[in-house]
């Protein structure tokens, strides 16, 4: 089993991942429907890529740096 598949690797929970995907969908909806400057379109588009990527991977490097974990460990009481 690879390191990526181990449960200890994950630090983003299901609710957190869902909210991240919804946030990225909202940002892309704004990009596609609202008349924004090209700079804001670019910023929102580029920022939504890692948001979705980290939600799908269920791992966030910033969470890792500050020691935050939103997953539920079933072994802890």
PDB file of N, CA and C in Angstrom:
ATOM      1  N   UNK A   1       0.849  -1.177   0.000  1.00  0.00           N
ATOM      2  CA  UNK A   1       0.000   0.000   0.000  1.00  0.00           C
ATOM      3  C   UNK A   1       0.893   1.237   0.000  1.00  0.00           C
ATOM      4  N   UNK A   2       0.602   2.177  -0.853  1.00  0.00           N
ATOM      5  CA  UNK A   2       1.428   3.374  -0.938  1.00  0.00           C
ATOM      6  C   UNK A   2       1.087   4.351   0.182  1.00  0.00           C
ATOM      7  N   UNK A   3       1.952   5.331   0.365  1.00  0.00           N
ATOM      8  CA  UNK A   3       1.750   6.334   1.406  1.00  0.00           C
ATOM      9  C   UNK A   3       0.486   7.146   1.148  1.00  0.00           C
ATOM     10  N   UNK A   4       0.179   7.380  -0.105  1.00  0.00           N
ATOM     11  CA  UNK A   4      -0.993   8.190  -0.444  1.00  0.00           C
ATOM     12  C   UNK A   4      -2.284   7.484  -0.028  1.00  0.00           C
ATOM     13  N   UNK A   5      -2.311   6.180  -0.072  1.00  0.00           N
ATOM     14  CA  UNK A   5      -3.531   5.448   0.223  1.00  0.00           C
ATOM     15  C   UNK A   5      -3.767   5.264   1.720  1.00  0.00           C
ATOM     16  N   UNK A   6      -2.775   5.527   2.562  1.00  0.00           N
ATOM     17  CA  UNK A   6      -2.946   5.343   4.002  1.00  0.00           C
ATOM     18  C   UNK A   6      -3.815   6.445   4.585  1.00  0.00           C
ATOM     19  N   UNK A   7      -4.621   6.090   5.546  1.00  0.00           N
ATOM     20  CA  UNK A   7      -5.539   7.029   6.171  1.00  0.00           C
ATOM     21  C   UNK A   7      -4.798   8.142   6.917  1.00  0.00           C
ATOM     22  N   UNK A   8      -3.609   7.885   7.407  1.00  0.00           N
ATOM     23  CA  UNK A   8      -2.846   8.889   8.137  1.00  0.00           C
ATOM     24  C   UNK A   8      -2.440  10.059   7.231  1.00  0.00           C
ATOM     25  N   UNK A   9      -2.428   9.818   5.958  1.00  0.00           N
ATOM     26  CA  UNK A   9      -2.032  10.838   4.989  1.00  0.00           C
ATOM     27  C   UNK A   9      -3.067  11.960   4.893  1.00  0.00           C
ATOM     28  N   UNK A  10      -4.336  11.626   5.037  1.00  0.00           N
ATOM     29  CA  UNK A  10      -5.410  12.596   4.848  1.00  0.00           C
ATOM     30  C   UNK A  10      -5.486  13.572   6.008  1.00  0.00           C
ATOM     31  N   UNK A  11      -5.696  14.845   5.712  1.00  0.00           N
ATOM     32  CA  UNK A  11      -5.931  15.831   6.768  1.00  0.00           C
ATOM     33  C   UNK A  11      -7.126  16.738   6.445  1.00  0.00           C
ATOM     34  N   UNK A  12      -7.855  16.435   5.390  1.00  0.00           N
ATOM     35  CA  UNK A  12      -9.060  17.182   5.021  1.00  0.00           C
ATOM     36  C   UNK A  12     -10.247  16.229   5.107  1.00  0.00           C
ATOM     37  N   UNK A  13     -11.214  16.572   5.952  1.00  0.00           N
ATOM     38  CA  UNK A  13     -12.389  15.735   6.135  1.00  0.00           C
ATOM     39  C   UNK A  13     -13.390  15.871   5.005  1.00  0.00           C
ATOM     40  N   UNK A  14     -14.430  15.058   5.071  1.00  0.00           N
ATOM     41  CA  UNK A  14     -15.437  15.028   4.009  1.00  0.00           C
ATOM     42  C   UNK A  14     -16.201  16.344   3.914  1.00  0.00           C
ATOM     43  N   UNK A  15     -16.583  16.907   5.052  1.00  0.00           N
ATOM     44  CA  UNK A  15     -17.325  18.173   5.035  1.00  0.00           C
ATOM     45  C   UNK A  15     -16.428  19.288   4.502  1.00  0.00           C
ATOM     46  N   UNK A  16     -15.194  19.314   4.945  1.00  0.00           N
ATOM     47  CA  UNK A  16     -14.231  20.317   4.481  1.00  0.00           C
ATOM     48  C   UNK A  16     -14.010  20.197   2.974  1.00  0.00           C
ATOM     49  N   UNK A  17     -13.860  18.984   2.482  1.00  0.00           N
ATOM     50  CA  UNK A  17     -13.646  18.764   1.046  1.00  0.00           C
ATOM     51  C   UNK A  17     -14.868  19.206   0.239  1.00  0.00           C
ATOM     52  N   UNK A  18     -16.057  18.904   0.739  1.00  0.00           N
ATOM     53  CA  UNK A  18     -17.282  19.307   0.058  1.00  0.00           C
ATOM     54  C   UNK A  18     -17.396  20.825  -0.016  1.00  0.00           C
ATOM     55  N   UNK A  19     -17.083  21.492   1.085  1.00  0.00           N
ATOM     56  CA  UNK A  19     -17.143  22.958   1.093  1.00  0.00           C
ATOM     57  C   UNK A  19     -16.121  23.561   0.138  1.00  0.00           C
ATOM     58  N   UNK A  20     -14.954  22.941   0.031  1.00  0.00           N
ATOM     59  CA  UNK A  20     -13.936  23.434  -0.896  1.00  0.00           C
ATOM     60  C   UNK A  20     -14.401  23.310  -2.350  1.00  0.00           C
ATOM     61  N   UNK A  21     -15.022  22.196  -2.680  1.00  0.00           N
ATOM     62  CA  UNK A  21     -15.516  22.005  -4.047  1.00  0.00           C
ATOM     63  C   UNK A  21     -16.633  23.007  -4.344  1.00  0.00           C
ATOM     64  N   UNK A  22     -17.531  23.209  -3.386  1.00  0.00           N
ATOM     65  CA  UNK A  22     -18.602  24.183  -3.586  1.00  0.00           C
ATOM     66  C   UNK A  22     -18.052  25.599  -3.742  1.00  0.00           C
ATOM     67  N   UNK A  23     -17.016  25.931  -2.985  1.00  0.00           N
ATOM     68  CA  UNK A  23     -16.371  27.234  -3.115  1.00  0.00           C
ATOM     69  C   UNK A  23     -15.747  27.411  -4.493  1.00  0.00           C
ATOM     70  N   UNK A  24     -15.107  26.381  -4.995  1.00  0.00           N
ATOM     71  CA  UNK A  24     -14.500  26.452  -6.326  1.00  0.00           C
ATOM     72  C   UNK A  24     -15.572  26.569  -7.411  1.00  0.00           C
ATOM     73  N   UNK A  25     -16.670  25.854  -7.248  1.00  0.00           N
ATOM     74  CA  UNK A  25     -17.772  25.958  -8.213  1.00  0.00           C
ATOM     75  C   UNK A  25     -18.351  27.373  -8.202  1.00  0.00           C
ATOM     76  N   UNK A  26     -18.496  27.950  -7.011  1.00  0.00           N
ATOM     77  CA  UNK A  26     -19.008  29.319  -6.911  1.00  0.00           C
ATOM     78  C   UNK A  26     -18.048  30.310  -7.573  1.00  0.00           C
ATOM     79  N   UNK A  27     -16.755  30.122  -7.363  1.00  0.00           N
ATOM     80  CA  UNK A  27     -15.767  31.026  -7.979  1.00  0.00           C
ATOM     81  C   UNK A  27     -15.807  30.915  -9.492  1.00  0.00           C
ATOM     82  N   UNK A  28     -15.909  29.711 -10.016  1.00  0.00           N
ATOM     83  CA  UNK A  28     -15.959  29.545 -11.465  1.00  0.00           C
ATOM     84  C   UNK A  28     -17.277  30.057 -12.042  1.00  0.00           C
ATOM     85  N   UNK A  29     -18.354  29.953 -11.283  1.00  0.00           N
ATOM     86  CA  UNK A  29     -19.628  30.514 -11.728  1.00  0.00           C
ATOM     87  C   UNK A  29     -19.529  32.028 -11.836  1.00  0.00           C
ATOM     88  N   UNK A  30     -18.879  32.652 -10.878  1.00  0.00           N
ATOM     89  CA  UNK A  30     -18.673  34.101 -10.926  1.00  0.00           C
ATOM     90  C   UNK A  30     -17.821  34.472 -12.138  1.00  0.00           C
ATOM     91  N   UNK A  31     -16.774  33.693 -12.379  1.00  0.00           N
ATOM     92  CA  UNK A  31     -15.898  33.971 -13.521  1.00  0.00           C
ATOM     93  C   UNK A  31     -16.670  33.899 -14.835  1.00  0.00           C
ATOM     94  N   UNK A  32     -17.562  32.930 -14.943  1.00  0.00           N
ATOM     95  CA  UNK A  32     -18.272  32.718 -16.199  1.00  0.00           C
ATOM     96  C   UNK A  32     -19.490  33.618 -16.389  1.00  0.00           C
ATOM     97  N   UNK A  33     -20.055  34.145 -15.310  1.00  0.00           N
ATOM     98  CA  UNK A  33     -21.309  34.884 -15.446  1.00  0.00           C
ATOM     99  C   UNK A  33     -21.201  36.377 -15.166  1.00  0.00           C
ATOM    100  N   UNK A  34     -20.267  36.776 -14.326  1.00  0.00           N
ATOM    101  CA  UNK A  34     -20.167  38.185 -13.938  1.00  0.00           C
ATOM    102  C   UNK A  34     -19.127  38.876 -14.813  1.00  0.00           C
ATOM    103  N   UNK A  35     -19.430  40.116 -15.181  1.00  0.00           N
ATOM    104  CA  UNK A  35     -18.514  40.892 -16.002  1.00  0.00           C
ATOM    105  C   UNK A  35     -17.422  41.482 -15.103  1.00  0.00           C
ATOM    106  N   UNK A  36     -16.283  40.770 -15.009  1.00  0.00           N
ATOM    107  CA  UNK A  36     -15.159  41.190 -14.171  1.00  0.00           C
ATOM    108  C   UNK A  36     -13.994  41.635 -15.042  1.00  0.00           C
ATOM    109  N   UNK A  37     -13.056  42.346 -14.413  1.00  0.00           N
ATOM    110  CA  UNK A  37     -11.802  42.656 -15.098  1.00  0.00           C
ATOM    111  C   UNK A  37     -11.069  41.351 -15.377  1.00  0.00           C
ATOM    112  N   UNK A  38     -10.215  41.380 -16.364  1.00  0.00           N
ATOM    113  CA  UNK A  38      -9.476  40.165 -16.717  1.00  0.00           C
ATOM    114  C   UNK A  38      -8.548  39.723 -15.590  1.00  0.00           C
ATOM    115  N   UNK A  39      -8.076  40.659 -14.784  1.00  0.00           N
ATOM    116  CA  UNK A  39      -7.205  40.307 -13.653  1.00  0.00           C
ATOM    117  C   UNK A  39      -7.968  39.478 -12.638  1.00  0.00           C
ATOM    118  N   UNK A  40      -9.190  39.888 -12.283  1.00  0.00           N
ATOM    119  CA  UNK A  40      -9.984  39.140 -11.310  1.00  0.00           C
ATOM    120  C   UNK A  40     -10.419  37.791 -11.869  1.00  0.00           C
ATOM    121  N   UNK A  41     -10.715  37.748 -13.146  1.00  0.00           N
ATOM    122  CA  UNK A  41     -11.057  36.461 -13.766  1.00  0.00           C
ATOM    123  C   UNK A  41      -9.888  35.492 -13.643  1.00  0.00           C
ATOM    124  N   UNK A  42      -8.696  35.983 -13.929  1.00  0.00           N
ATOM    125  CA  UNK A  42      -7.501  35.155 -13.839  1.00  0.00           C
ATOM    126  C   UNK A  42      -7.256  34.699 -12.401  1.00  0.00           C
ATOM    127  N   UNK A  43      -7.355  35.609 -11.448  1.00  0.00           N
ATOM    128  CA  UNK A  43      -7.110  35.269 -10.042  1.00  0.00           C
ATOM    129  C   UNK A  43      -8.098  34.221  -9.554  1.00  0.00           C
ATOM    130  N   UNK A  44      -9.383  34.410  -9.810  1.00  0.00           N
ATOM    131  CA  UNK A  44     -10.384  33.439  -9.363  1.00  0.00           C
ATOM    132  C   UNK A  44     -10.214  32.092 -10.051  1.00  0.00           C
ATOM    133  N   UNK A  45      -9.874  32.111 -11.314  1.00  0.00           N
ATOM    134  CA  UNK A  45      -9.668  30.862 -12.043  1.00  0.00           C
ATOM    135  C   UNK A  45      -8.473  30.095 -11.507  1.00  0.00           C
ATOM    136  N   UNK A  46      -7.374  30.798 -11.285  1.00  0.00           N
ATOM    137  CA  UNK A  46      -6.154  30.135 -10.816  1.00  0.00           C
ATOM    138  C   UNK A  46      -6.309  29.653  -9.373  1.00  0.00           C
ATOM    139  N   UNK A  47      -6.982  30.410  -8.531  1.00  0.00           N
ATOM    140  CA  UNK A  47      -7.158  30.001  -7.139  1.00  0.00           C
ATOM    141  C   UNK A  47      -8.101  28.812  -6.978  1.00  0.00           C
ATOM    142  N   UNK A  48      -9.028  28.642  -7.884  1.00  0.00           N
ATOM    143  CA  UNK A  48      -9.966  27.524  -7.738  1.00  0.00           C
ATOM    144  C   UNK A  48      -9.331  26.184  -8.104  1.00  0.00           C
ATOM    145  N   UNK A  49      -8.237  26.196  -8.855  1.00  0.00           N
ATOM    146  CA  UNK A  49      -7.580  24.928  -9.224  1.00  0.00           C
ATOM    147  C   UNK A  49      -7.010  24.201  -8.009  1.00  0.00           C
ATOM    148  N   UNK A  50      -6.162  24.840  -7.173  1.00  0.00           N
ATOM    149  CA  UNK A  50      -5.658  24.103  -6.012  1.00  0.00           C
ATOM    150  C   UNK A  50      -6.734  23.784  -4.978  1.00  0.00           C
ATOM    151  N   UNK A  51      -7.776  24.606  -4.910  1.00  0.00           N
ATOM    152  CA  UNK A  51      -8.858  24.324  -3.962  1.00  0.00           C
ATOM    153  C   UNK A  51      -9.503  22.980  -4.293  1.00  0.00           C
ATOM    154  N   UNK A  52      -9.803  22.756  -5.566  1.00  0.00           N
ATOM    155  CA  UNK A  52     -10.395  21.488  -5.982  1.00  0.00           C
ATOM    156  C   UNK A  52      -9.375  20.353  -5.876  1.00  0.00           C
ATOM    157  N   UNK A  53      -8.161  20.614  -6.262  1.00  0.00           N
ATOM    158  CA  UNK A  53      -7.116  19.596  -6.208  1.00  0.00           C
ATOM    159  C   UNK A  53      -6.905  19.084  -4.789  1.00  0.00           C
ATOM    160  N   UNK A  54      -6.795  19.988  -3.826  1.00  0.00           N
ATOM    161  CA  UNK A  54      -6.593  19.562  -2.442  1.00  0.00           C
ATOM    162  C   UNK A  54      -7.838  18.912  -1.870  1.00  0.00           C
ATOM    163  N   UNK A  55      -9.018  19.287  -2.338  1.00  0.00           N
ATOM    164  CA  UNK A  55     -10.245  18.624  -1.878  1.00  0.00           C
ATOM    165  C   UNK A  55     -10.301  17.190  -2.380  1.00  0.00           C
ATOM    166  N   UNK A  56      -9.911  16.969  -3.613  1.00  0.00           N
ATOM    167  CA  UNK A  56      -9.925  15.618  -4.177  1.00  0.00           C
ATOM    168  C   UNK A  56      -8.842  14.759  -3.535  1.00  0.00           C
ATOM    169  N   UNK A  57      -7.667  15.344  -3.286  1.00  0.00           N
ATOM    170  CA  UNK A  57      -6.571  14.600  -2.659  1.00  0.00           C
ATOM    171  C   UNK A  57      -6.813  14.377  -1.167  1.00  0.00           C
ATOM    172  N   UNK A  58      -7.720  15.163  -0.577  1.00  0.00           N
ATOM    173  CA  UNK A  58      -8.021  15.115   0.857  1.00  0.00           C
ATOM    174  C   UNK A  58      -6.788  15.429   1.697  1.00  0.00           C
ATOM    175  N   UNK A  59      -5.920  16.286   1.179  1.00  0.00           N
ATOM    176  CA  UNK A  59      -4.705  16.693   1.861  1.00  0.00           C
ATOM    177  C   UNK A  59      -4.432  18.156   1.549  1.00  0.00           C
ATOM    178  N   UNK A  60      -4.056  18.923   2.565  1.00  0.00           N
ATOM    179  CA  UNK A  60      -3.759  20.335   2.387  1.00  0.00           C
ATOM    180  C   UNK A  60      -2.408  20.640   3.019  1.00  0.00           C
ATOM    181  N   UNK A  61      -1.474  21.226   2.255  1.00  0.00           N
ATOM    182  CA  UNK A  61      -0.150  21.500   2.817  1.00  0.00           C
ATOM    183  C   UNK A  61      -0.173  22.548   3.928  1.00  0.00           C
ATOM    184  N   UNK A  62      -1.093  23.494   3.871  1.00  0.00           N
ATOM    185  CA  UNK A  62      -1.179  24.504   4.935  1.00  0.00           C
ATOM    186  C   UNK A  62      -1.671  23.854   6.219  1.00  0.00           C
ATOM    187  N   UNK A  63      -2.654  22.968   6.118  1.00  0.00           N
ATOM    188  CA  UNK A  63      -3.106  22.214   7.287  1.00  0.00           C
ATOM    189  C   UNK A  63      -1.945  21.418   7.878  1.00  0.00           C
ATOM    190  N   UNK A  64      -1.133  20.821   7.027  1.00  0.00           N
ATOM    191  CA  UNK A  64       0.014  20.035   7.484  1.00  0.00           C
ATOM    192  C   UNK A  64       1.008  20.917   8.239  1.00  0.00           C
ATOM    193  N   UNK A  65       1.278  22.122   7.716  1.00  0.00           N
ATOM    194  CA  UNK A  65       2.226  23.026   8.353  1.00  0.00           C
ATOM    195  C   UNK A  65       1.779  23.478   9.741  1.00  0.00           C
ATOM    196  N   UNK A  66       0.486  23.776   9.887  1.00  0.00           N
ATOM    197  CA  UNK A  66       0.003  24.290  11.167  1.00  0.00           C
ATOM    198  C   UNK A  66      -0.577  23.198  12.064  1.00  0.00           C
ATOM    199  N   UNK A  67      -0.595  21.966  11.580  1.00  0.00           N
ATOM    200  CA  UNK A  67      -1.032  20.840  12.405  1.00  0.00           C
ATOM    201  C   UNK A  67      -2.533  20.683  12.542  1.00  0.00           C
ATOM    202  N   UNK A  68      -3.287  21.158  11.582  1.00  0.00           N
ATOM    203  CA  UNK A  68      -4.745  21.037  11.601  1.00  0.00           C
ATOM    204  C   UNK A  68      -5.160  19.785  10.857  1.00  0.00           C
ATOM    205  N   UNK A  69      -6.173  19.108  11.383  1.00  0.00           N
ATOM    206  CA  UNK A  69      -6.707  17.915  10.745  1.00  0.00           C
ATOM    207  C   UNK A  69      -8.221  17.933  10.911  1.00  0.00           C
ATOM    208  N   UNK A  70      -8.978  17.889   9.816  1.00  0.00           N
ATOM    209  CA  UNK A  70     -10.436  17.907   9.920  1.00  0.00           C
ATOM    210  C   UNK A  70     -11.044  16.534   9.683  1.00  0.00           C
ATOM    211  N   UNK A  71     -10.203  15.505   9.628  1.00  0.00           N
ATOM    212  CA  UNK A  71     -10.715  14.153   9.479  1.00  0.00           C
ATOM    213  C   UNK A  71     -11.052  13.581  10.838  1.00  0.00           C
ATOM    214  N   UNK A  72     -11.909  12.571  10.843  1.00  0.00           N
ATOM    215  CA  UNK A  72     -12.264  11.876  12.073  1.00  0.00           C
ATOM    216  C   UNK A  72     -11.472  10.583  12.134  1.00  0.00           C
ATOM    217  N   UNK A  73     -10.664  10.443  13.163  1.00  0.00           N
ATOM    218  CA  UNK A  73      -9.935   9.198  13.377  1.00  0.00           C
ATOM    219  C   UNK A  73     -10.802   8.247  14.184  1.00  0.00           C
ATOM    220  N   UNK A  74     -11.104   7.082  13.614  1.00  0.00           N
ATOM    221  CA  UNK A  74     -11.984   6.131  14.286  1.00  0.00           C
ATOM    222  C   UNK A  74     -11.295   5.426  15.446  1.00  0.00           C
ATOM    223  N   UNK A  75      -9.970   5.482  15.499  1.00  0.00           N
ATOM    224  CA  UNK A  75      -9.251   4.811  16.580  1.00  0.00           C
ATOM    225  C   UNK A  75      -9.242   5.621  17.860  1.00  0.00           C
ATOM    226  N   UNK A  76      -9.489   6.933  17.772  1.00  0.00           N
ATOM    227  CA  UNK A  76      -9.513   7.774  18.958  1.00  0.00           C
ATOM    228  C   UNK A  76     -10.878   7.739  19.609  1.00  0.00           C
ATOM    229  N   UNK A  77     -10.904   7.758  20.923  1.00  0.00           N
ATOM    230  CA  UNK A  77     -12.168   7.699  21.648  1.00  0.00           C
ATOM    231  C   UNK A  77     -12.718   9.081  21.883  1.00  0.00           C
TER     232      UNK A  77
END
